[in-house]
Every structure is written in C-alpha cells, then in structure tokens.
N, C-alpha and C. Protein backbone atom coordinates (compact mmCIF):
# COMPACT_ATOMS: atom_id res chain seq x y z
N MET A 1 -23.00 -17.22 -9.58
CA MET A 1 -22.37 -18.51 -9.48
C MET A 1 -21.60 -18.56 -8.17
N ASP A 2 -21.81 -19.62 -7.38
CA ASP A 2 -21.11 -19.71 -6.11
C ASP A 2 -19.68 -20.26 -6.30
N ASP A 3 -18.86 -20.11 -5.25
CA ASP A 3 -17.45 -20.50 -5.33
C ASP A 3 -17.26 -21.97 -5.67
N LYS A 4 -18.12 -22.80 -5.10
CA LYS A 4 -17.99 -24.24 -5.34
C LYS A 4 -18.17 -24.56 -6.82
N SER A 5 -19.17 -23.98 -7.44
CA SER A 5 -19.43 -24.21 -8.87
C SER A 5 -18.29 -23.65 -9.72
N ILE A 6 -17.81 -22.47 -9.34
CA ILE A 6 -16.70 -21.87 -10.07
C ILE A 6 -15.49 -22.78 -10.04
N LEU A 7 -15.17 -23.27 -8.85
CA LEU A 7 -13.97 -24.12 -8.69
C LEU A 7 -14.12 -25.46 -9.39
N LEU A 8 -15.32 -26.03 -9.35
CA LEU A 8 -15.56 -27.30 -10.05
C LEU A 8 -15.35 -27.13 -11.56
N ASN A 9 -15.88 -26.04 -12.10
CA ASN A 9 -15.73 -25.77 -13.53
C ASN A 9 -14.27 -25.44 -13.89
N MET A 10 -13.61 -24.70 -13.01
CA MET A 10 -12.20 -24.38 -13.26
C MET A 10 -11.34 -25.65 -13.27
N ALA A 11 -11.66 -26.58 -12.37
CA ALA A 11 -10.90 -27.83 -12.30
C ALA A 11 -11.01 -28.59 -13.62
N LYS A 12 -12.13 -28.38 -14.33
CA LYS A 12 -12.31 -29.02 -15.64
C LYS A 12 -11.67 -28.22 -16.76
N GLY A 13 -11.06 -27.06 -16.40
CA GLY A 13 -10.40 -26.24 -17.41
C GLY A 13 -11.26 -25.16 -18.01
N ASP A 14 -12.40 -24.86 -17.37
CA ASP A 14 -13.33 -23.85 -17.89
C ASP A 14 -12.79 -22.43 -17.65
N VAL A 15 -12.35 -21.79 -18.70
CA VAL A 15 -11.76 -20.46 -18.63
C VAL A 15 -12.82 -19.41 -18.24
N ALA A 16 -14.06 -19.59 -18.66
CA ALA A 16 -15.12 -18.64 -18.34
C ALA A 16 -15.33 -18.58 -16.82
N SER A 17 -15.28 -19.72 -16.16
CA SER A 17 -15.41 -19.73 -14.69
C SER A 17 -14.22 -19.03 -14.04
N TYR A 18 -13.05 -19.21 -14.62
CA TYR A 18 -11.85 -18.53 -14.13
C TYR A 18 -12.03 -17.02 -14.22
N GLU A 19 -12.59 -16.55 -15.34
CA GLU A 19 -12.84 -15.12 -15.50
C GLU A 19 -13.88 -14.61 -14.49
N VAL A 20 -14.85 -15.45 -14.18
CA VAL A 20 -15.85 -15.08 -13.15
C VAL A 20 -15.15 -14.93 -11.80
N LEU A 21 -14.26 -15.86 -11.50
CA LEU A 21 -13.50 -15.81 -10.24
C LEU A 21 -12.68 -14.51 -10.17
N ILE A 22 -12.02 -14.17 -11.26
CA ILE A 22 -11.21 -12.95 -11.30
C ILE A 22 -12.10 -11.72 -11.07
N ASP A 23 -13.23 -11.66 -11.77
CA ASP A 23 -14.14 -10.52 -11.60
C ASP A 23 -14.66 -10.43 -10.16
N LYS A 24 -14.93 -11.58 -9.58
CA LYS A 24 -15.52 -11.63 -8.25
C LYS A 24 -14.53 -11.22 -7.16
N TYR A 25 -13.25 -11.57 -7.31
CA TYR A 25 -12.31 -11.41 -6.21
C TYR A 25 -11.15 -10.43 -6.46
N THR A 26 -11.12 -9.77 -7.58
CA THR A 26 -10.01 -8.84 -7.84
C THR A 26 -9.95 -7.75 -6.78
N ARG A 27 -11.06 -7.13 -6.46
CA ARG A 27 -11.07 -6.05 -5.45
C ARG A 27 -10.59 -6.57 -4.10
N TYR A 28 -10.97 -7.77 -3.75
CA TYR A 28 -10.56 -8.38 -2.48
C TYR A 28 -9.03 -8.55 -2.45
N VAL A 29 -8.47 -9.10 -3.51
CA VAL A 29 -7.02 -9.32 -3.60
C VAL A 29 -6.26 -7.99 -3.57
N VAL A 30 -6.74 -7.04 -4.33
CA VAL A 30 -6.07 -5.71 -4.38
C VAL A 30 -6.10 -5.06 -2.99
N ALA A 31 -7.21 -5.19 -2.27
CA ALA A 31 -7.31 -4.62 -0.92
C ALA A 31 -6.26 -5.23 0.01
N ILE A 32 -6.07 -6.53 -0.07
CA ILE A 32 -5.06 -7.20 0.76
C ILE A 32 -3.68 -6.69 0.41
N ILE A 33 -3.39 -6.62 -0.85
CA ILE A 33 -2.06 -6.16 -1.31
C ILE A 33 -1.80 -4.74 -0.83
N LYS A 34 -2.78 -3.86 -1.01
CA LYS A 34 -2.60 -2.46 -0.60
C LYS A 34 -2.45 -2.32 0.90
N ARG A 35 -3.17 -3.13 1.65
CA ARG A 35 -3.08 -3.06 3.11
C ARG A 35 -1.69 -3.47 3.58
N ILE A 36 -1.09 -4.45 2.94
CA ILE A 36 0.24 -4.91 3.32
C ILE A 36 1.31 -3.96 2.80
N ALA A 37 1.15 -3.47 1.59
CA ALA A 37 2.17 -2.64 0.95
C ALA A 37 2.24 -1.23 1.52
N ILE A 38 1.14 -0.72 2.02
CA ILE A 38 1.08 0.61 2.61
C ILE A 38 1.82 1.65 1.78
N ASN A 39 1.38 1.84 0.57
CA ASN A 39 1.94 2.86 -0.34
C ASN A 39 3.41 2.66 -0.68
N ASN A 40 3.94 1.47 -0.49
CA ASN A 40 5.33 1.20 -0.83
C ASN A 40 5.49 0.55 -2.19
N LEU A 41 4.37 0.31 -2.89
CA LEU A 41 4.43 -0.30 -4.21
C LEU A 41 3.67 0.56 -5.21
N SER A 42 4.12 0.52 -6.44
CA SER A 42 3.44 1.27 -7.50
C SER A 42 2.17 0.55 -7.91
N ASN A 43 1.30 1.25 -8.63
CA ASN A 43 0.08 0.62 -9.15
C ASN A 43 0.43 -0.54 -10.07
N GLN A 44 1.51 -0.40 -10.82
CA GLN A 44 1.93 -1.48 -11.72
C GLN A 44 2.33 -2.72 -10.91
N ASP A 45 3.05 -2.52 -9.80
CA ASP A 45 3.42 -3.65 -8.94
C ASP A 45 2.17 -4.34 -8.39
N ILE A 46 1.21 -3.52 -7.96
CA ILE A 46 -0.04 -4.08 -7.40
C ILE A 46 -0.78 -4.87 -8.46
N GLU A 47 -0.85 -4.36 -9.68
CA GLU A 47 -1.51 -5.07 -10.78
C GLU A 47 -0.80 -6.39 -11.08
N GLU A 48 0.54 -6.35 -11.10
CA GLU A 48 1.31 -7.56 -11.39
C GLU A 48 1.11 -8.61 -10.30
N ILE A 49 1.12 -8.19 -9.05
CA ILE A 49 0.91 -9.14 -7.95
C ILE A 49 -0.48 -9.73 -8.03
N THR A 50 -1.47 -8.89 -8.32
CA THR A 50 -2.85 -9.37 -8.46
C THR A 50 -2.95 -10.43 -9.56
N ALA A 51 -2.33 -10.15 -10.69
CA ALA A 51 -2.33 -11.11 -11.79
C ALA A 51 -1.63 -12.40 -11.38
N ASP A 52 -0.53 -12.27 -10.65
CA ASP A 52 0.21 -13.44 -10.19
C ASP A 52 -0.62 -14.31 -9.23
N VAL A 53 -1.42 -13.66 -8.39
CA VAL A 53 -2.29 -14.40 -7.47
C VAL A 53 -3.26 -15.27 -8.28
N PHE A 54 -3.89 -14.68 -9.28
CA PHE A 54 -4.86 -15.44 -10.06
C PHE A 54 -4.19 -16.49 -10.95
N ILE A 55 -2.98 -16.24 -11.37
CA ILE A 55 -2.24 -17.26 -12.13
C ILE A 55 -1.97 -18.47 -11.23
N LYS A 56 -1.57 -18.20 -9.99
CA LYS A 56 -1.33 -19.30 -9.04
C LYS A 56 -2.61 -20.08 -8.78
N LEU A 57 -3.73 -19.37 -8.69
CA LEU A 57 -5.00 -20.05 -8.50
C LEU A 57 -5.31 -20.96 -9.69
N TRP A 58 -5.08 -20.48 -10.89
CA TRP A 58 -5.32 -21.29 -12.09
C TRP A 58 -4.40 -22.52 -12.10
N GLU A 59 -3.13 -22.30 -11.76
CA GLU A 59 -2.17 -23.40 -11.77
C GLU A 59 -2.53 -24.48 -10.76
N ASN A 60 -3.20 -24.10 -9.68
CA ASN A 60 -3.56 -25.05 -8.62
C ASN A 60 -5.06 -25.32 -8.57
N ARG A 61 -5.75 -25.10 -9.69
CA ARG A 61 -7.21 -25.17 -9.71
C ARG A 61 -7.78 -26.51 -9.27
N GLU A 62 -7.06 -27.61 -9.52
CA GLU A 62 -7.58 -28.92 -9.13
C GLU A 62 -7.56 -29.14 -7.63
N LYS A 63 -6.72 -28.37 -6.93
CA LYS A 63 -6.55 -28.57 -5.48
C LYS A 63 -7.40 -27.61 -4.65
N LEU A 64 -8.02 -26.62 -5.26
CA LEU A 64 -8.72 -25.58 -4.52
C LEU A 64 -10.01 -26.10 -3.88
N ILE A 65 -10.27 -25.59 -2.67
CA ILE A 65 -11.47 -25.96 -1.92
C ILE A 65 -12.26 -24.68 -1.67
N ALA A 66 -13.54 -24.70 -1.94
CA ALA A 66 -14.39 -23.51 -1.85
C ALA A 66 -14.37 -22.89 -0.45
N ASP A 67 -14.39 -23.73 0.59
CA ASP A 67 -14.45 -23.21 1.96
C ASP A 67 -13.21 -22.41 2.34
N SER A 68 -12.06 -22.72 1.75
CA SER A 68 -10.83 -22.02 2.13
C SER A 68 -10.28 -21.15 1.00
N LEU A 69 -11.09 -20.86 0.00
CA LEU A 69 -10.63 -20.10 -1.16
C LEU A 69 -10.13 -18.71 -0.78
N LYS A 70 -10.92 -17.97 0.00
CA LYS A 70 -10.53 -16.60 0.36
C LYS A 70 -9.25 -16.61 1.20
N LYS A 71 -9.13 -17.56 2.11
CA LYS A 71 -7.92 -17.65 2.92
C LYS A 71 -6.71 -17.93 2.04
N TYR A 72 -6.88 -18.84 1.12
CA TYR A 72 -5.80 -19.22 0.21
C TYR A 72 -5.37 -18.02 -0.64
N MET A 73 -6.35 -17.27 -1.14
CA MET A 73 -6.03 -16.07 -1.93
C MET A 73 -5.29 -15.05 -1.07
N ALA A 74 -5.74 -14.89 0.16
CA ALA A 74 -5.11 -13.91 1.06
C ALA A 74 -3.66 -14.30 1.35
N ILE A 75 -3.42 -15.58 1.55
CA ILE A 75 -2.04 -16.05 1.83
C ILE A 75 -1.15 -15.82 0.61
N ILE A 76 -1.65 -16.18 -0.56
CA ILE A 76 -0.86 -15.98 -1.79
C ILE A 76 -0.57 -14.48 -1.96
N ALA A 77 -1.59 -13.66 -1.80
CA ALA A 77 -1.42 -12.20 -1.98
C ALA A 77 -0.42 -11.66 -0.98
N ARG A 78 -0.53 -12.11 0.26
CA ARG A 78 0.41 -11.64 1.30
C ARG A 78 1.84 -12.03 0.96
N ASN A 79 2.05 -13.29 0.63
CA ASN A 79 3.40 -13.78 0.33
C ASN A 79 4.01 -13.07 -0.88
N LEU A 80 3.23 -12.93 -1.94
CA LEU A 80 3.75 -12.27 -3.13
C LEU A 80 4.04 -10.79 -2.86
N THR A 81 3.19 -10.15 -2.05
CA THR A 81 3.43 -8.75 -1.72
C THR A 81 4.69 -8.58 -0.89
N LEU A 82 4.85 -9.43 0.12
CA LEU A 82 6.07 -9.35 0.95
C LEU A 82 7.32 -9.62 0.11
N ASN A 83 7.22 -10.57 -0.80
CA ASN A 83 8.37 -10.83 -1.69
C ASN A 83 8.69 -9.60 -2.54
N ARG A 84 7.66 -8.96 -3.08
CA ARG A 84 7.88 -7.77 -3.91
C ARG A 84 8.46 -6.63 -3.06
N LEU A 85 7.96 -6.48 -1.82
CA LEU A 85 8.50 -5.44 -0.95
C LEU A 85 9.97 -5.68 -0.66
N ARG A 86 10.33 -6.94 -0.44
CA ARG A 86 11.74 -7.27 -0.21
C ARG A 86 12.57 -6.88 -1.43
N LYS A 87 12.05 -7.21 -2.61
CA LYS A 87 12.76 -6.89 -3.85
C LYS A 87 12.92 -5.38 -4.02
N VAL A 88 11.85 -4.63 -3.79
CA VAL A 88 11.88 -3.18 -3.90
C VAL A 88 12.85 -2.60 -2.88
N ASN A 89 12.81 -3.14 -1.66
CA ASN A 89 13.70 -2.68 -0.59
C ASN A 89 15.16 -2.92 -0.96
N LYS A 90 15.46 -4.08 -1.53
CA LYS A 90 16.82 -4.38 -1.94
C LYS A 90 17.28 -3.43 -3.04
N LEU A 91 16.40 -3.12 -3.98
CA LEU A 91 16.75 -2.18 -5.04
C LEU A 91 17.06 -0.80 -4.48
N CYS A 92 16.27 -0.37 -3.49
CA CYS A 92 16.51 0.93 -2.86
C CYS A 92 17.85 0.91 -2.14
N GLU A 93 18.15 -0.20 -1.46
CA GLU A 93 19.43 -0.32 -0.77
C GLU A 93 20.57 -0.23 -1.77
N LEU A 94 20.41 -0.88 -2.92
CA LEU A 94 21.46 -0.85 -3.93
C LEU A 94 21.68 0.58 -4.44
N ASP A 95 20.60 1.31 -4.66
CA ASP A 95 20.73 2.71 -5.11
C ASP A 95 21.49 3.55 -4.07
N GLU A 96 21.16 3.34 -2.80
CA GLU A 96 21.84 4.07 -1.73
C GLU A 96 23.32 3.71 -1.68
N GLU A 97 23.62 2.42 -1.85
CA GLU A 97 25.02 1.98 -1.80
C GLU A 97 25.83 2.59 -2.93
N GLU A 98 25.22 2.77 -4.09
CA GLU A 98 25.93 3.35 -5.22
C GLU A 98 26.29 4.80 -4.95
N SER A 99 25.46 5.50 -4.20
CA SER A 99 25.70 6.92 -3.95
C SER A 99 26.64 7.16 -2.77
N ILE A 100 26.89 6.14 -1.97
CA ILE A 100 27.75 6.25 -0.81
C ILE A 100 29.06 5.55 -1.11
N ASP A 101 30.14 6.10 -0.57
CA ASP A 101 31.43 5.42 -0.73
C ASP A 101 31.33 4.04 -0.09
N LEU A 102 31.82 3.05 -0.78
CA LEU A 102 31.77 1.69 -0.25
C LEU A 102 32.72 1.54 0.91
N ASP A 103 32.26 0.80 1.92
CA ASP A 103 33.12 0.48 3.06
C ASP A 103 34.16 -0.52 2.63
N THR A 104 35.05 -0.76 3.52
CA THR A 104 36.05 -1.78 3.24
C THR A 104 35.36 -3.13 3.22
N PRO A 105 35.95 -4.10 2.55
CA PRO A 105 35.34 -5.44 2.52
C PRO A 105 35.14 -6.02 3.92
N GLU A 106 36.05 -5.72 4.84
CA GLU A 106 35.92 -6.22 6.20
C GLU A 106 34.67 -5.68 6.89
N LYS A 107 34.43 -4.36 6.73
CA LYS A 107 33.25 -3.74 7.33
C LYS A 107 31.98 -4.31 6.72
N GLU A 108 31.96 -4.50 5.43
CA GLU A 108 30.79 -5.06 4.76
C GLU A 108 30.52 -6.48 5.26
N LEU A 109 31.56 -7.26 5.40
CA LEU A 109 31.42 -8.64 5.87
C LEU A 109 30.86 -8.66 7.29
N ILE A 110 31.40 -7.80 8.15
CA ILE A 110 30.93 -7.74 9.53
C ILE A 110 29.46 -7.31 9.57
N GLN A 111 29.10 -6.33 8.76
CA GLN A 111 27.71 -5.85 8.72
C GLN A 111 26.77 -6.96 8.25
N LYS A 112 27.15 -7.69 7.23
CA LYS A 112 26.31 -8.79 6.74
C LYS A 112 26.18 -9.89 7.77
N GLU A 113 27.28 -10.19 8.47
CA GLU A 113 27.24 -11.20 9.52
C GLU A 113 26.30 -10.78 10.64
N MET A 114 26.35 -9.50 11.02
CA MET A 114 25.47 -9.00 12.07
C MET A 114 24.01 -9.10 11.63
N GLN A 115 23.72 -8.75 10.40
CA GLN A 115 22.35 -8.84 9.89
C GLN A 115 21.87 -10.29 9.90
N THR A 116 22.74 -11.20 9.50
CA THR A 116 22.38 -12.62 9.49
C THR A 116 22.11 -13.12 10.90
N ILE A 117 22.96 -12.74 11.85
CA ILE A 117 22.78 -13.15 13.24
C ILE A 117 21.45 -12.63 13.78
N LEU A 118 21.16 -11.36 13.53
CA LEU A 118 19.91 -10.77 13.99
C LEU A 118 18.70 -11.46 13.35
N LEU A 119 18.77 -11.66 12.05
CA LEU A 119 17.65 -12.28 11.34
C LEU A 119 17.41 -13.70 11.84
N ASN A 120 18.46 -14.47 12.05
CA ASN A 120 18.31 -15.84 12.57
C ASN A 120 17.66 -15.83 13.94
N ALA A 121 18.05 -14.89 14.78
CA ALA A 121 17.43 -14.80 16.10
C ALA A 121 15.96 -14.42 15.98
N ILE A 122 15.64 -13.47 15.11
CA ILE A 122 14.25 -13.03 14.93
C ILE A 122 13.40 -14.17 14.36
N LEU A 123 13.97 -14.98 13.52
CA LEU A 123 13.22 -16.10 12.93
C LEU A 123 12.80 -17.14 13.97
N SER A 124 13.42 -17.10 15.15
CA SER A 124 13.03 -18.05 16.21
C SER A 124 11.83 -17.54 16.99
N PHE A 125 11.39 -16.29 16.74
CA PHE A 125 10.24 -15.71 17.43
C PHE A 125 8.96 -16.38 16.95
N SER A 126 7.88 -16.13 17.71
CA SER A 126 6.57 -16.62 17.28
C SER A 126 6.21 -15.91 15.96
N GLU A 127 5.25 -16.43 15.26
CA GLU A 127 4.89 -15.93 13.94
C GLU A 127 4.52 -14.44 13.98
N ILE A 128 3.70 -14.05 14.96
CA ILE A 128 3.25 -12.65 15.02
C ILE A 128 4.40 -11.73 15.42
N ASP A 129 5.23 -12.16 16.39
CA ASP A 129 6.37 -11.34 16.80
C ASP A 129 7.37 -11.18 15.67
N LYS A 130 7.57 -12.25 14.93
CA LYS A 130 8.48 -12.22 13.79
C LYS A 130 7.97 -11.20 12.76
N GLU A 131 6.67 -11.26 12.47
CA GLU A 131 6.10 -10.35 11.48
C GLU A 131 6.23 -8.90 11.94
N ILE A 132 5.97 -8.66 13.22
CA ILE A 132 6.07 -7.30 13.76
C ILE A 132 7.52 -6.79 13.63
N PHE A 133 8.48 -7.59 14.03
CA PHE A 133 9.88 -7.18 13.97
C PHE A 133 10.34 -6.93 12.53
N ILE A 134 9.97 -7.81 11.64
CA ILE A 134 10.38 -7.64 10.24
C ILE A 134 9.75 -6.39 9.65
N ARG A 135 8.45 -6.19 9.91
CA ARG A 135 7.78 -4.99 9.40
C ARG A 135 8.41 -3.71 9.98
N ARG A 136 8.70 -3.73 11.27
CA ARG A 136 9.22 -2.53 11.94
C ARG A 136 10.66 -2.23 11.60
N PHE A 137 11.52 -3.24 11.66
CA PHE A 137 12.95 -2.98 11.57
C PHE A 137 13.57 -3.29 10.20
N PHE A 138 12.87 -4.05 9.36
CA PHE A 138 13.40 -4.31 8.03
C PHE A 138 12.67 -3.47 6.99
N TYR A 139 11.34 -3.26 7.19
CA TYR A 139 10.57 -2.45 6.24
C TYR A 139 10.29 -1.05 6.77
N MET A 140 10.72 -0.79 8.02
CA MET A 140 10.58 0.53 8.64
C MET A 140 9.13 1.03 8.63
N GLN A 141 8.20 0.13 8.87
CA GLN A 141 6.79 0.52 8.91
C GLN A 141 6.48 1.18 10.26
N LYS A 142 5.50 2.06 10.23
CA LYS A 142 5.06 2.74 11.45
C LYS A 142 4.27 1.76 12.31
N ILE A 143 4.29 2.02 13.62
CA ILE A 143 3.56 1.19 14.57
C ILE A 143 2.08 1.15 14.20
N THR A 144 1.51 2.30 13.85
CA THR A 144 0.09 2.36 13.51
C THR A 144 -0.22 1.47 12.29
N ASP A 145 0.66 1.48 11.30
CA ASP A 145 0.46 0.67 10.11
C ASP A 145 0.56 -0.82 10.42
N ILE A 146 1.52 -1.16 11.27
CA ILE A 146 1.70 -2.57 11.66
C ILE A 146 0.45 -3.05 12.39
N ALA A 147 -0.01 -2.25 13.34
CA ALA A 147 -1.19 -2.62 14.13
C ALA A 147 -2.40 -2.83 13.20
N GLU A 148 -2.57 -1.92 12.25
CA GLU A 148 -3.70 -2.01 11.32
C GLU A 148 -3.60 -3.26 10.45
N CYS A 149 -2.42 -3.53 9.91
CA CYS A 149 -2.24 -4.69 9.01
C CYS A 149 -2.47 -6.00 9.73
N ILE A 150 -1.94 -6.09 10.94
CA ILE A 150 -2.02 -7.36 11.67
C ILE A 150 -3.37 -7.49 12.38
N GLY A 151 -3.99 -6.35 12.67
CA GLY A 151 -5.29 -6.38 13.32
C GLY A 151 -5.20 -6.46 14.84
N ILE A 152 -4.18 -5.81 15.41
CA ILE A 152 -4.04 -5.77 16.87
C ILE A 152 -3.86 -4.32 17.29
N PRO A 153 -4.12 -4.01 18.58
CA PRO A 153 -3.98 -2.63 19.05
C PRO A 153 -2.51 -2.15 18.99
N GLU A 154 -2.34 -0.84 18.85
CA GLU A 154 -0.99 -0.26 18.80
C GLU A 154 -0.21 -0.56 20.06
N ASN A 155 -0.89 -0.49 21.22
CA ASN A 155 -0.21 -0.78 22.49
C ASN A 155 0.38 -2.19 22.49
N THR A 156 -0.33 -3.13 21.90
CA THR A 156 0.16 -4.50 21.83
C THR A 156 1.42 -4.56 20.96
N VAL A 157 1.43 -3.81 19.88
CA VAL A 157 2.62 -3.78 19.01
C VAL A 157 3.81 -3.22 19.79
N HIS A 158 3.57 -2.10 20.51
CA HIS A 158 4.64 -1.51 21.33
C HIS A 158 5.17 -2.52 22.36
N THR A 159 4.24 -3.21 23.03
CA THR A 159 4.63 -4.18 24.04
C THR A 159 5.43 -5.32 23.43
N LYS A 160 4.95 -5.83 22.30
CA LYS A 160 5.64 -6.95 21.64
C LYS A 160 7.04 -6.53 21.17
N ILE A 161 7.20 -5.29 20.73
CA ILE A 161 8.51 -4.82 20.31
C ILE A 161 9.44 -4.72 21.51
N ALA A 162 8.95 -4.16 22.61
CA ALA A 162 9.77 -4.02 23.81
C ALA A 162 10.20 -5.39 24.33
N ARG A 163 9.24 -6.30 24.42
CA ARG A 163 9.56 -7.66 24.89
C ARG A 163 10.47 -8.38 23.90
N GLY A 164 10.23 -8.14 22.62
CA GLY A 164 11.05 -8.78 21.59
C GLY A 164 12.49 -8.32 21.65
N LYS A 165 12.71 -7.04 21.94
CA LYS A 165 14.08 -6.53 22.06
C LYS A 165 14.80 -7.21 23.21
N LYS A 166 14.08 -7.36 24.34
CA LYS A 166 14.68 -8.05 25.50
C LYS A 166 14.99 -9.50 25.15
N LYS A 167 14.04 -10.14 24.48
CA LYS A 167 14.22 -11.54 24.09
C LYS A 167 15.40 -11.67 23.12
N LEU A 168 15.49 -10.74 22.19
CA LEU A 168 16.57 -10.74 21.21
C LEU A 168 17.93 -10.60 21.91
N GLU A 169 18.00 -9.67 22.85
CA GLU A 169 19.24 -9.48 23.60
C GLU A 169 19.62 -10.75 24.37
N LYS A 170 18.62 -11.35 25.01
CA LYS A 170 18.85 -12.57 25.79
C LYS A 170 19.33 -13.71 24.88
N LEU A 171 18.67 -13.87 23.72
CA LEU A 171 19.06 -14.90 22.76
C LEU A 171 20.49 -14.71 22.29
N LEU A 172 20.83 -13.49 21.96
CA LEU A 172 22.17 -13.20 21.45
C LEU A 172 23.23 -13.42 22.54
N LEU A 173 22.89 -13.07 23.78
CA LEU A 173 23.82 -13.31 24.88
C LEU A 173 24.04 -14.82 25.09
N GLN A 174 22.93 -15.58 25.05
CA GLN A 174 23.02 -17.03 25.24
C GLN A 174 23.87 -17.67 24.15
N ARG A 175 23.75 -17.17 22.95
CA ARG A 175 24.50 -17.74 21.83
C ARG A 175 25.93 -17.17 21.75
N GLY A 176 26.21 -16.20 22.61
CA GLY A 176 27.52 -15.57 22.58
C GLY A 176 27.71 -14.69 21.37
N GLU A 177 26.61 -14.15 20.85
CA GLU A 177 26.65 -13.36 19.62
C GLU A 177 26.18 -11.93 19.85
N ILE A 178 26.42 -11.41 21.06
CA ILE A 178 25.94 -10.06 21.34
C ILE A 178 26.62 -9.05 20.43
N ILE A 179 25.81 -8.15 19.92
CA ILE A 179 26.31 -7.16 18.96
C ILE A 179 26.51 -5.84 19.67
C-alpha cells in the first residue's frame, strides 16, 4: 500500500492503515531519534518518542500529505527528541546540584542571567549555527557527532563554531552585555 492510500484511509479513521504506516516507518523514525540522541537516551525513551511521533501523526491525519510525510515525521521525531534531551539534561543538572553545596542566591541569579543572555544571543544566529552551538555547548556533543547529525563536514562545524564565538562576542559587546 502506498503512502497516499494509507493517508487517505487514515483520514477516514481506518486504524488498519494506521498500523500499516507504523509498521512501514517505525525503523525510519527510530533511526532519526537515535542519530539525534547519540546514546544519550534509554531504549525506553526512544520507544516513547517513537510512539509519540505516531500519535501526533494520528492526531493530524486529516492534514497529512503523502509527498511530505517523511519530512513531517522527521521534524516531529527531531523536535520530540530534542525536547526529551533537554528534559534529561535538566534532570542530570538537578542531580549534580543536589550533590554540590548550593551557591548563594546572588550567584545563582547572576549565573541564570548570564545563561539567558547567552541563549538569547545564540537564538539570533542562523538555524544551522544555532543548532551547532546548542548541540556543542548545551548538550556537550562532540564535533564529529554534530557533523554527522547535521550532515556537514567536521571542518565546517569547527569553522562555524569559531565564527560563532566571534559573532557572539560582538553581539554581547554591542548590547553592552559582555560576560
């Protein structure tokens, strides 16, 4: 059964077609999740994200277009994976904070303000530069992993990071927010 037929039947509420879609694309969705997560998520997390992708597809079945189905699945998988990585990262940070003596409230406030300033500056970058910076400095991913996930050479990642640092410094200086 081709994607167009599957989606037409799903739009009518046909659960059997939905199951065909799941069987057909589960490996594809899992591959995307694993490529983005790079061993930072458990198998249970990957299974949950995969299920969530297909739930979102079912919820939006009337709007799906066969020509862009794989792209749509990839975007959903990417977004859900990044959200889960953020959640896992925050939990790890909380565990670390519990084991370390807490700083004074003033130090914590200053640190949060600095993170906010940096993040706001990074969010003004182009989409690819933003993704590289977030992966490198927020998720601590290796250059090789970033290059592989995004599909660009490692040298390009190095160059974009170097240029991004200069751009970040310039932006912060212009805003009077140099750290």
